[in-house]
Amino acid sequence: MLDHCGRPARTTTPSAAQHRAEVEVAVLGPTEVRGLAASFSRAAALELTVYLALHPAGVANDAWATALWPDRRMAPATLHSTASAARRALGRSASGREHLPRSHGRLELARSVTTDWRRVGVLAASDDPDDWDEAIDLVRGRPFEGLRNAEWTVLEGIAADIEERVAGLACRLADARLRRGRPALAAAAARRGLAASPYDERLYRRLLRCADLEGNPAGVERVMGELLANLGWPGCAPGAFDLAAVHPKTAAVYRSLSRRPGDRAPRH
């Protein structure tokens, strides 16, 4: 059987293996855990689950304790009760095994637990833009929103890495949609990327091009005004934009697209 592009149709998607997971830790926006057996009885148990989900190879107790309580040393009894609370909330898999197996001095989630970020990675590795589309739809906002203590995501570079990769994926998808002559869908992809990485000017450059391709000169001005306001330059009106505040590539794209007299650079 062939797909709509004339290629052999896939019998499974890149995310099929991920869909077999029974619990998903969602970090691409407000933090939540899907598929729980019971609610978390304490915030630290949720934080532990998120930390372990982002460290699938497992971590020593000292490591996750330091991440969750960076300013103090917790008693072994507190660590034990936190792990027990996480274990109760996660429950057991369909096979009867605990999603958080018991272990001495180290914790590691079972393979029955996955993350939305892992699903994005699988889909983004595909060469099919439809898979990129499915991946970007998983982005709901800034990574780790609502997590009480997200300092470890910054110190370990995890949040920055996620934002960078989501923005890169959004750019790739937007470019693919622009090549198909679909600027509105390209803009939607860029907007989804900005939900996770709101200061990435690569995405704003795509939005500028999308507005121009839609024949919307006011949209070009609006996007530039939005970017400058986001960078801390509120109240800038068209004609008074301080382009020194943005990346030279962004300024060049804007100048090439702006319809204001004297500002439009020749296109080559």
Foldseek 3Di string as FASTA:
>chain_A
DADPVRHPDDPDDLCPVVVQQQKAFEFLAATDIPNWPADQPDLLLSVLVVVQQVVQVWDFLVVSQCQSPVPDDDDPVVSVVSPVSNQNGRDADPVRHTQWDDDPRITHGDPSYHYLLVQLVSLLPDPDLVSLVVSLVSRDAAGRPPRPRPPVCVVVVVSVVSLVVLQVSLLVSLVVCVVVVNLVVNLVSLVSSCRHVVQDVSSLLSQLVSCLSVVHLVSNQVSQQVNCVVLPNHPQHVVRDDCVSDDPVSQVSSQCRHPPPPRHDDDD
